[in-house]
Amino acid sequence: MNLTDAPLGYAFEGDYPESYGSELLRLRTIVAQQVVRLADTRPSAEGRLLGVLIGRRSSDRERAQIEVALRRDGAPSLLARGELLISAKDLAAVGALVQDYGDRTVGDHVRLRRFAAGRVELDRVIDDCAVHNIAAHPNYIASMAAVGKGVGGPENAPWLGDFANYRIPNAPSDGGPGPRPPVAVIDTGVEETMRGDHWLGKVTRTPENLDLLDVLPRGGDGFLDYEAGHGTFVAGVVQRVAPSADIRVYRAADTDGFATDDDIAAAIVQAHRDGAEIINLSLGGKTLDDQPPLLMQQAVETVHAEAGRDSKGRFNKVIVAAAGNYGDRGIVWPAALDGVEAVAGLTAYLSPASWSSYGAVRFSTVGEGIRSVYPEGAESPLFDPEPDTFGPNAAAVWSGTSFAAPQIAGAVARISAEQNVSPRDAVDLLDARGKSVVGFGKAMRILQGIG
């Protein structure tokens, strides 16, 4: 790592060499297919996949049901069907309007749910609440794949080797003299199995943070679910970039890759209060009116209010989020929230990726053909026409801004440790060594990717 005089965008050049041997040609073909799928914005393709994913969860009434609402620009926005969010202190004042709704307290808000309620009824309740000067909000859903993009998902890749032997060339073997700022990965959770190759071996597993891998349709079908392994893969990216990082995994999304506003917000606040100094969010979505999801916004504000600012007036905590895979300048949450560092995707040649969201972005890095660890299991032919089977100690290649963001989170953790600086100082050092690209912030190569 050269943070002083390396060419802009190349501070990590040579730090993360890749060796694919005879597999390289096959992997290039696979990554090219992943990129084509990421760039496929046809409503028909997206609609078919969403239809399948919605149907898979329809018998499980404990799980948020997905409703697709089209924005004015024709892009889909995902909402939890029949659900509203309202301040707990306001509930009594509008109790008559929502007496048929079940409720669950979420922090200082209440999540109201009535599955039979359609958009017309919910809009009426929102309007009726507004008459009483009370705000009611939809419970938006974020996804791991920008709705239906990325069909086919991860693909088998050569083993990464035993983590005990993993080294970054010319980096301190002990990770450096500085503290290890805890990195929270808020995602689908982490695989329960302790890998024989020791990757993610120090990540704590609890019933609350496990990726359950195969639960949909209800009870499972013997195949990995649509976004199963996403959290494990993302955590592995952080560990590849910062081997000494203290990684903590939180489950906010289900195994098909969907997470409600309230669940994401709860995980953000919990990670912060557990001591995380860097938080990674490889998920996102669009709202109908381009206004931020209520509870995610409040969660980020809570983190920064409680953690405070440093002597330079900068937020102490670092929150990193994937910019999205929509291929446009549209607003994607939580990446667009104040106090969040948005990360866009580049090709392996450091050019802007056509499938990546862009615009109000702080960083960009390679998001095509990223290699990381992946859990054991078989892909479903429902989602991949050529399904893979992943064995013990598997590795995979995957593409998307989901896998660009954790490289930045990992780089911040690594710089903090090696340079003995705060995560916020590390963000600024990283920013200073990136190459400015319009709409893509400061561009840089960290992991090599495949092109």
Protein backbone atom coordinates (compact mmCIF):
# COMPACT_ATOMS: atom_id res chain seq x y z
CA MET A 1 0.00 0.00 0.00
CA ASN A 2 1.44 3.31 -1.09
CA LEU A 3 -0.52 6.31 0.18
CA THR A 4 2.15 8.87 -0.63
CA ASP A 5 3.33 8.83 -4.24
CA ALA A 6 1.54 6.00 -6.07
CA PRO A 7 -0.35 7.09 -9.22
CA LEU A 8 -3.88 8.14 -8.35
CA GLY A 9 -6.13 5.10 -8.24
CA TYR A 10 -3.28 2.65 -7.76
CA ALA A 11 -2.32 2.91 -4.07
CA PHE A 12 -2.98 -0.84 -3.63
CA GLU A 13 -1.33 -2.03 -6.83
CA GLY A 14 0.38 -5.38 -6.29
CA ASP A 15 -1.17 -5.93 -2.86
CA TYR A 16 -3.83 -8.43 -3.92
CA PRO A 17 -2.46 -10.60 -6.73
CA GLU A 18 -4.79 -13.18 -8.26
CA SER A 19 -3.87 -16.53 -9.76
CA TYR A 20 -6.48 -18.47 -11.72
CA GLY A 21 -4.24 -20.62 -13.88
CA SER A 22 -6.10 -22.61 -16.52
CA GLU A 23 -9.43 -21.38 -15.10
CA LEU A 24 -8.96 -17.80 -16.27
CA LEU A 25 -10.61 -18.17 -19.68
CA ARG A 26 -13.66 -19.90 -18.15
CA LEU A 27 -13.96 -17.22 -15.48
CA ARG A 28 -13.69 -14.41 -18.03
CA THR A 29 -16.62 -15.95 -19.90
CA ILE A 30 -18.62 -16.25 -16.69
CA VAL A 31 -17.93 -12.67 -15.60
CA ALA A 32 -18.90 -11.41 -19.06
CA GLN A 33 -22.24 -13.19 -18.61
CA GLN A 34 -22.68 -11.71 -15.12
CA VAL A 35 -22.06 -8.22 -16.50
CA VAL A 36 -24.60 -8.73 -19.31
CA ARG A 37 -27.19 -9.77 -16.74
CA LEU A 38 -26.38 -6.80 -14.51
CA ALA A 39 -26.93 -4.48 -17.46
CA ASP A 40 -30.25 -6.08 -18.46
CA THR A 41 -32.91 -3.51 -17.59
CA ARG A 42 -35.78 -5.06 -19.56
CA PRO A 43 -38.97 -4.95 -17.48
CA SER A 44 -39.95 -8.39 -18.74
CA ALA A 45 -36.82 -10.06 -17.36
CA GLU A 46 -37.12 -8.23 -14.06
CA GLY A 47 -40.83 -8.94 -13.77
CA ARG A 48 -40.47 -12.69 -14.30
CA LEU A 49 -37.86 -13.02 -11.60
CA LEU A 50 -39.76 -10.86 -9.14
CA GLY A 51 -42.85 -12.93 -9.74
CA VAL A 52 -40.98 -16.06 -8.77
CA LEU A 53 -39.42 -14.46 -5.68
CA ILE A 54 -42.75 -13.03 -4.52
CA GLY A 55 -44.49 -16.38 -4.96
CA ARG A 56 -41.81 -18.28 -3.00
CA ARG A 57 -42.58 -16.36 0.20
CA SER A 58 -46.36 -16.07 -0.09
CA SER A 59 -47.11 -18.98 2.25
CA ASP A 60 -44.90 -17.62 5.04
CA ARG A 61 -46.93 -14.93 6.76
CA GLU A 62 -44.18 -14.27 9.31
CA ARG A 63 -42.12 -12.85 6.47
CA ALA A 64 -42.64 -9.45 4.81
CA GLN A 65 -44.57 -9.88 1.58
CA ILE A 66 -43.33 -7.91 -1.43
CA GLU A 67 -45.38 -5.45 -3.41
CA VAL A 68 -43.98 -3.89 -6.58
CA ALA A 69 -44.95 -0.28 -7.26
CA LEU A 70 -43.77 1.48 -10.41
CA ARG A 71 -42.20 4.91 -10.11
CA ARG A 72 -42.88 7.68 -12.60
CA ASP A 73 -39.74 6.73 -14.49
CA GLY A 74 -40.98 3.16 -14.80
CA ALA A 75 -38.45 1.73 -12.34
CA PRO A 76 -39.81 -0.61 -9.69
CA SER A 77 -39.91 0.28 -6.03
CA LEU A 78 -40.36 -2.52 -3.50
CA LEU A 79 -42.62 -2.18 -0.49
CA ALA A 80 -43.74 -4.52 2.28
CA ARG A 81 -47.33 -5.30 1.32
CA GLY A 82 -49.93 -4.02 3.76
CA GLU A 83 -47.35 -2.40 6.06
CA LEU A 84 -46.99 1.12 7.43
CA LEU A 85 -44.60 2.79 9.86
CA ILE A 86 -45.86 5.35 12.36
CA SER A 87 -44.39 6.99 15.44
CA ALA A 88 -45.33 5.12 18.61
CA LYS A 89 -46.34 8.37 20.30
CA ASP A 90 -48.85 9.07 17.52
CA LEU A 91 -50.47 5.64 17.44
CA ALA A 92 -53.20 6.41 19.98
CA ALA A 93 -54.28 9.50 18.06
CA VAL A 94 -55.03 7.50 14.90
CA GLY A 95 -55.95 4.19 16.49
CA ALA A 96 -59.37 4.13 14.84
CA LEU A 97 -57.80 4.36 11.41
CA VAL A 98 -55.61 1.31 11.91
CA GLN A 99 -57.63 -0.81 14.33
CA ASP A 100 -57.58 -3.77 11.94
CA TYR A 101 -53.78 -3.78 11.71
CA GLY A 102 -51.40 -5.91 13.74
CA ASP A 103 -48.46 -4.02 15.17
CA ARG A 104 -44.88 -4.46 16.32
CA THR A 105 -42.79 -1.85 18.09
CA VAL A 106 -39.58 -0.95 16.25
CA GLY A 107 -37.56 1.49 18.35
CA ASP A 108 -39.72 4.58 18.74
CA HIS A 109 -41.95 3.55 15.81
CA VAL A 110 -44.64 0.96 15.29
CA ARG A 111 -44.83 -1.30 12.25
CA LEU A 112 -48.46 -1.82 11.29
CA ARG A 113 -49.38 -4.79 9.14
CA ARG A 114 -52.54 -6.02 7.40
CA PHE A 115 -51.77 -8.33 4.51
CA ALA A 116 -55.12 -7.73 2.84
CA ALA A 117 -54.49 -3.99 2.60
CA GLY A 118 -53.59 -2.90 -0.92
CA ARG A 119 -51.88 0.26 -2.09
CA VAL A 120 -55.19 2.15 -2.34
CA GLU A 121 -56.05 1.43 1.29
CA LEU A 122 -52.56 2.27 2.51
CA ASP A 123 -52.55 5.55 0.61
CA ARG A 124 -55.91 6.37 2.17
CA VAL A 125 -54.59 5.67 5.66
CA ILE A 126 -51.51 7.81 4.99
CA ASP A 127 -53.74 10.67 3.79
CA ASP A 128 -56.11 10.31 6.76
CA CYS A 129 -53.16 10.39 9.16
CA ALA A 130 -51.90 13.53 7.44
CA VAL A 131 -55.23 15.22 8.20
CA HIS A 132 -54.35 14.73 11.88
CA ASN A 133 -50.83 16.10 11.23
CA ILE A 134 -49.39 12.64 11.77
CA ALA A 135 -46.93 11.06 9.35
CA ALA A 136 -47.37 7.46 8.26
CA HIS A 137 -44.84 5.90 5.88
CA PRO A 138 -44.55 2.79 3.70
CA ASN A 139 -42.16 0.11 4.90
CA TYR A 140 -39.78 -0.02 1.92
CA ILE A 141 -37.77 -3.08 1.00
CA ALA A 142 -34.14 -3.00 -0.11
CA SER A 143 -32.58 -5.82 -2.10
CA MET A 144 -29.13 -7.27 -2.64
CA ALA A 145 -29.32 -7.24 -6.43
CA ALA A 146 -31.08 -3.98 -7.41
CA VAL A 147 -34.35 -5.90 -7.74
CA GLY A 148 -33.98 -8.52 -10.46
CA LYS A 149 -30.47 -7.98 -11.76
CA GLY A 150 -27.65 -10.44 -11.45
CA VAL A 151 -29.64 -13.58 -12.31
CA GLY A 152 -27.23 -16.48 -12.14
CA GLY A 153 -25.38 -15.10 -9.15
CA PRO A 154 -22.01 -16.41 -8.01
CA GLU A 155 -19.98 -18.97 -9.91
CA ASN A 156 -17.36 -21.45 -8.75
CA ALA A 157 -13.81 -20.14 -8.59
CA PRO A 158 -10.45 -21.60 -7.54
CA TRP A 159 -9.82 -21.98 -3.81
CA LEU A 160 -8.35 -18.96 -2.01
CA GLY A 161 -6.01 -21.13 0.06
CA ASP A 162 -5.83 -21.46 3.82
CA PHE A 163 -6.36 -18.17 5.61
CA ALA A 164 -3.52 -19.08 7.97
CA ASN A 165 -1.16 -18.64 5.01
CA TYR A 166 -2.80 -15.54 3.55
CA ARG A 167 -0.49 -12.52 3.36
CA ILE A 168 -0.59 -9.12 1.70
CA PRO A 169 2.81 -8.49 0.06
CA ASN A 170 4.88 -5.87 1.84
CA ALA A 171 2.21 -5.32 4.52
CA PRO A 172 2.95 -5.77 8.25
CA SER A 173 2.38 -9.42 9.15
CA ASP A 174 0.59 -8.36 12.35
CA GLY A 175 -1.66 -5.88 10.55
CA GLY A 176 0.10 -2.77 11.79
CA PRO A 177 0.51 -0.77 15.02
CA GLY A 178 -2.93 0.80 15.12
CA PRO A 179 -6.17 -0.46 16.68
CA ARG A 180 -8.53 -2.72 14.76
CA PRO A 181 -11.74 -0.75 14.23
CA PRO A 182 -14.63 -3.23 14.28
CA VAL A 183 -16.27 -3.64 10.85
CA ALA A 184 -19.98 -4.51 10.79
CA VAL A 185 -21.33 -6.31 7.74
CA ILE A 186 -25.13 -5.88 7.62
CA ASP A 187 -26.37 -8.45 5.16
CA THR A 188 -27.92 -11.93 4.91
CA GLY A 189 -25.80 -13.21 7.79
CA VAL A 190 -22.84 -15.57 7.84
CA GLU A 191 -22.69 -19.29 7.10
CA GLU A 192 -22.94 -21.43 10.24
CA THR A 193 -20.29 -23.95 9.22
CA MET A 194 -16.76 -23.14 10.37
CA ARG A 195 -14.65 -23.52 7.26
CA GLY A 196 -11.73 -25.90 7.27
CA ASP A 197 -9.61 -23.25 5.53
CA HIS A 198 -10.15 -20.84 8.46
CA TRP A 199 -11.59 -17.93 6.46
CA LEU A 200 -14.00 -15.97 8.67
CA GLY A 201 -12.99 -18.28 11.50
CA LYS A 202 -13.00 -15.49 14.08
CA VAL A 203 -16.43 -14.15 13.11
CA THR A 204 -18.84 -14.82 15.96
CA ARG A 205 -21.86 -16.95 15.06
CA THR A 206 -25.16 -16.63 16.92
CA PRO A 207 -28.70 -17.75 16.05
CA GLU A 208 -29.44 -14.11 15.18
CA ASN A 209 -26.71 -13.64 12.57
CA LEU A 210 -26.64 -16.95 10.69
CA ASP A 211 -27.40 -17.12 6.98
CA LEU A 212 -29.95 -19.94 6.92
CA LEU A 213 -29.16 -20.61 3.22
CA ASP A 214 -32.24 -22.71 2.33
CA VAL A 215 -35.58 -21.73 3.83
CA LEU A 216 -37.60 -20.65 0.78
CA PRO A 217 -40.12 -21.75 -0.28
CA ARG A 218 -41.20 -22.30 3.30
CA GLY A 219 -39.23 -25.25 4.70
CA GLY A 220 -36.61 -25.12 1.93
CA ASP A 221 -36.26 -27.05 -1.32
CA GLY A 222 -32.75 -28.49 -1.07
CA PHE A 223 -31.15 -25.62 -2.98
CA LEU A 224 -29.40 -22.43 -1.95
CA ASP A 225 -31.86 -19.53 -1.91
CA TYR A 226 -31.56 -16.65 -4.38
CA GLU A 227 -29.09 -14.54 -2.36
CA ALA A 228 -27.87 -17.19 0.08
CA GLY A 229 -24.21 -16.70 0.88
CA HIS A 230 -24.24 -12.99 0.04
CA GLY A 231 -23.27 -11.96 3.57
CA THR A 232 -20.54 -14.59 3.79
CA PHE A 233 -19.13 -13.44 0.45
CA VAL A 234 -19.18 -9.75 1.48
CA ALA A 235 -17.52 -10.49 4.82
CA GLY A 236 -14.88 -12.48 2.94
CA VAL A 237 -14.16 -9.46 0.73
CA VAL A 238 -13.54 -7.36 3.84
CA GLN A 239 -11.20 -10.02 5.18
CA ARG A 240 -9.30 -10.31 1.89
CA VAL A 241 -8.62 -6.56 1.95
CA ALA A 242 -7.98 -6.30 5.70
CA PRO A 243 -6.92 -9.72 7.06
CA SER A 244 -6.56 -8.46 10.63
CA ALA A 245 -9.98 -6.76 10.70
CA ASP A 246 -12.42 -7.41 13.52
CA ILE A 247 -15.43 -8.43 11.40
CA ARG A 248 -18.91 -8.65 12.88
CA VAL A 249 -21.87 -9.86 10.85
CA TYR A 250 -25.51 -8.81 11.34
CA ARG A 251 -28.48 -10.35 9.58
CA ALA A 252 -31.01 -7.84 8.24
CA ALA A 253 -31.92 -9.51 4.94
CA ASP A 254 -33.48 -12.88 4.25
CA THR A 255 -31.97 -15.59 2.10
CA ASP A 256 -33.61 -14.26 -1.07
CA GLY A 257 -31.88 -10.93 -0.43
CA PHE A 258 -34.75 -8.72 0.76
CA ALA A 259 -34.61 -6.47 3.82
CA THR A 260 -37.26 -4.13 5.19
CA ASP A 261 -36.57 -0.57 6.25
CA ASP A 262 -37.19 -1.41 9.90
CA ASP A 263 -34.89 -4.46 9.93
CA ILE A 264 -32.04 -2.58 8.24
CA ALA A 265 -32.43 0.34 10.63
CA ALA A 266 -32.43 -1.92 13.68
CA ALA A 267 -29.23 -3.64 12.50
CA ILE A 268 -27.48 -0.30 11.86
CA VAL A 269 -28.24 0.98 15.35
CA GLN A 270 -27.36 -2.36 16.97
CA ALA A 271 -24.02 -2.57 15.16
CA HIS A 272 -23.18 0.97 16.21
CA ARG A 273 -24.10 0.37 19.85
CA ASP A 274 -22.09 -2.85 19.82
CA GLY A 275 -19.03 -0.75 19.01
CA ALA A 276 -18.69 -1.02 15.23
CA GLU A 277 -16.69 1.89 13.82
CA ILE A 278 -17.14 0.94 10.16
CA ILE A 279 -20.50 -0.30 8.86
CA ASN A 280 -20.94 -1.90 5.43
CA LEU A 281 -24.33 -2.01 3.69
CA SER A 282 -24.26 -4.01 0.44
CA LEU A 283 -27.94 -3.47 -0.28
CA GLY A 284 -30.22 -0.77 -1.64
CA GLY A 285 -33.42 0.29 -3.28
CA LYS A 286 -35.42 3.16 -4.73
CA THR A 287 -38.45 4.82 -3.18
CA LEU A 288 -41.53 6.01 -5.03
CA ASP A 289 -40.88 9.70 -4.36
CA ASP A 290 -37.08 9.68 -4.01
CA GLN A 291 -37.48 10.48 -0.32
CA PRO A 292 -35.34 8.44 2.07
CA PRO A 293 -36.84 5.42 3.85
CA LEU A 294 -37.91 6.75 7.24
CA LEU A 295 -36.19 4.39 9.65
CA MET A 296 -32.94 3.98 7.71
CA GLN A 297 -32.54 7.74 7.68
CA GLN A 298 -33.25 7.95 11.39
CA ALA A 299 -30.83 5.10 12.12
CA VAL A 300 -27.96 6.82 10.31
CA GLU A 301 -28.80 10.08 12.09
CA THR A 302 -28.82 8.23 15.42
CA VAL A 303 -25.41 6.70 14.76
CA HIS A 304 -23.84 10.05 13.95
CA ALA A 305 -25.62 11.88 16.78
CA GLU A 306 -24.50 9.34 19.38
CA ALA A 307 -20.97 8.86 18.01
CA GLY A 308 -20.41 12.58 17.50
CA ARG A 309 -17.82 14.36 15.44
CA ASP A 310 -14.05 14.66 15.70
CA SER A 311 -12.06 17.86 16.24
CA LYS A 312 -12.33 18.62 12.50
CA GLY A 313 -16.12 18.38 12.56
CA ARG A 314 -16.22 15.03 10.71
CA PHE A 315 -18.46 12.13 11.68
CA ASN A 316 -16.53 9.64 13.82
CA LYS A 317 -18.29 6.58 12.45
CA VAL A 318 -17.88 5.47 8.84
CA ILE A 319 -20.88 4.01 7.02
CA VAL A 320 -20.26 2.55 3.56
CA ALA A 321 -23.02 1.50 1.14
CA ALA A 322 -23.25 0.03 -2.34
CA ALA A 323 -24.36 2.66 -4.86
CA GLY A 324 -26.64 0.20 -6.67
CA ASN A 325 -26.73 -1.76 -9.93
CA TYR A 326 -29.35 0.32 -11.76
CA GLY A 327 -26.99 1.82 -14.37
CA ASP A 328 -28.34 5.35 -13.92
CA ARG A 329 -28.17 8.48 -11.76
CA GLY A 330 -31.32 7.58 -9.86
CA ILE A 331 -31.32 7.99 -6.09
CA VAL A 332 -30.61 4.73 -4.25
CA TRP A 333 -31.01 4.35 -0.49
CA PRO A 334 -29.19 4.03 1.88
CA ALA A 335 -26.23 5.04 -0.32
CA ALA A 336 -27.70 8.51 -0.88
CA LEU A 337 -28.21 9.29 2.82
CA ASP A 338 -26.19 12.09 4.39
CA GLY A 339 -23.32 10.60 6.35
CA VAL A 340 -22.99 7.53 4.11
CA GLU A 341 -20.07 6.90 1.73
CA ALA A 342 -21.55 5.55 -1.52
CA VAL A 343 -19.44 3.16 -3.61
CA ALA A 344 -19.96 2.61 -7.35
CA GLY A 345 -18.58 -0.16 -9.55
CA LEU A 346 -15.76 -0.16 -12.10
CA THR A 347 -14.60 -2.69 -14.66
CA ALA A 348 -11.36 -4.57 -14.07
CA TYR A 349 -9.73 -1.92 -16.29
CA LEU A 350 -10.89 0.91 -13.97
CA SER A 351 -13.45 2.32 -16.38
CA PRO A 352 -16.99 3.11 -15.16
CA ALA A 353 -19.17 0.00 -15.26
CA SER A 354 -22.24 0.53 -17.44
CA TRP A 355 -24.48 -1.35 -14.99
CA SER A 356 -23.43 0.65 -11.91
CA SER A 357 -25.48 3.42 -10.37
CA TYR A 358 -23.56 6.69 -10.27
CA GLY A 359 -23.91 10.34 -9.37
CA ALA A 360 -23.54 11.40 -5.72
CA VAL A 361 -20.80 8.82 -5.11
CA ARG A 362 -17.72 9.12 -2.84
CA PHE A 363 -15.70 6.15 -4.14
CA SER A 364 -15.65 3.57 -6.89
CA THR A 365 -13.67 0.38 -7.25
CA VAL A 366 -13.69 -2.83 -9.26
CA GLY A 367 -17.03 -4.64 -9.08
CA GLU A 368 -16.66 -7.25 -11.83
CA GLY A 369 -15.35 -10.73 -11.14
CA ILE A 370 -14.58 -10.29 -7.45
CA ARG A 371 -13.46 -13.49 -5.71
CA SER A 372 -14.37 -14.40 -2.14
CA VAL A 373 -15.49 -17.28 0.06
CA TYR A 374 -18.86 -18.95 -0.42
CA PRO A 375 -20.87 -21.53 1.55
CA GLU A 376 -21.42 -25.15 0.61
CA GLY A 377 -24.56 -26.00 -1.33
CA ALA A 378 -26.21 -26.33 -4.73
CA GLU A 379 -27.71 -23.52 -6.78
CA SER A 380 -31.30 -23.78 -7.89
CA PRO A 381 -32.02 -24.32 -11.60
CA LEU A 382 -34.88 -21.90 -11.00
CA PHE A 383 -32.37 -19.03 -10.88
CA ASP A 384 -29.37 -20.30 -12.81
CA PRO A 385 -29.73 -22.18 -16.12
CA GLU A 386 -26.36 -23.83 -15.40
CA PRO A 387 -26.45 -24.27 -11.62
CA ASP A 388 -23.23 -24.79 -9.72
CA THR A 389 -22.60 -26.99 -6.72
CA PHE A 390 -20.23 -25.51 -4.14
CA GLY A 391 -18.22 -27.87 -1.99
CA PRO A 392 -16.52 -27.36 1.39
CA ASN A 393 -14.18 -24.35 1.54
CA ALA A 394 -15.67 -23.03 -1.69
CA ALA A 395 -14.78 -19.78 -3.40
CA ALA A 396 -16.81 -17.91 -6.00
CA VAL A 397 -16.67 -14.93 -8.32
CA TRP A 398 -19.53 -12.44 -8.24
CA SER A 399 -20.19 -9.00 -9.71
CA GLY A 400 -22.01 -5.88 -8.51
CA THR A 401 -21.59 -2.85 -6.28
CA SER A 402 -22.33 -5.18 -3.35
CA PHE A 403 -18.75 -6.35 -3.74
CA ALA A 404 -17.19 -2.96 -4.42
CA ALA A 405 -18.46 -1.45 -1.15
CA PRO A 406 -16.78 -3.96 1.22
CA GLN A 407 -13.45 -3.34 -0.49
CA ILE A 408 -13.70 0.29 0.63
CA ALA A 409 -14.80 -0.77 4.12
CA GLY A 410 -11.87 -3.17 4.28
CA ALA A 411 -9.42 -0.56 2.96
CA VAL A 412 -10.54 1.89 5.67
CA ALA A 413 -9.96 -0.78 8.32
CA ARG A 414 -6.56 -1.70 6.89
CA ILE A 415 -5.36 1.92 6.66
CA SER A 416 -6.54 2.57 10.23
CA ALA A 417 -4.45 -0.33 11.52
CA GLU A 418 -1.33 0.19 9.41
CA GLN A 419 -1.21 3.98 9.68
CA ASN A 420 -2.52 4.11 13.28
CA VAL A 421 -5.24 6.61 12.37
CA SER A 422 -8.98 6.86 12.95
CA PRO A 423 -11.37 5.36 10.39
CA ARG A 424 -12.39 8.89 9.42
CA ASP A 425 -8.77 9.86 8.78
CA ALA A 426 -8.44 6.64 6.77
CA VAL A 427 -11.38 7.69 4.57
CA ASP A 428 -9.67 10.98 3.80
CA LEU A 429 -6.35 9.26 3.03
CA LEU A 430 -8.18 6.92 0.68
CA ASP A 431 -9.95 9.84 -0.95
CA ALA A 432 -6.64 11.63 -1.52
CA ARG A 433 -5.24 8.63 -3.45
CA GLY A 434 -8.25 8.08 -5.72
CA LYS A 435 -8.58 9.30 -9.28
CA SER A 436 -11.52 11.65 -9.86
CA VAL A 437 -14.07 10.29 -12.34
CA VAL A 438 -17.23 12.27 -13.07
CA GLY A 439 -20.19 10.56 -11.41
CA PHE A 440 -17.98 7.88 -9.88
CA GLY A 441 -16.18 9.84 -7.16
CA LYS A 442 -12.63 8.75 -6.42
CA ALA A 443 -11.84 5.65 -8.47
CA MET A 444 -9.27 3.08 -7.45
CA ARG A 445 -8.26 -0.55 -7.79
CA ILE A 446 -8.17 -2.63 -4.64
CA LEU A 447 -9.01 -6.25 -5.56
CA GLN A 448 -8.16 -7.13 -9.15
CA GLY A 449 -11.44 -8.45 -10.45
CA ILE A 450 -11.65 -10.18 -13.83
CA GLY A 451 -12.00 -8.47 -17.18
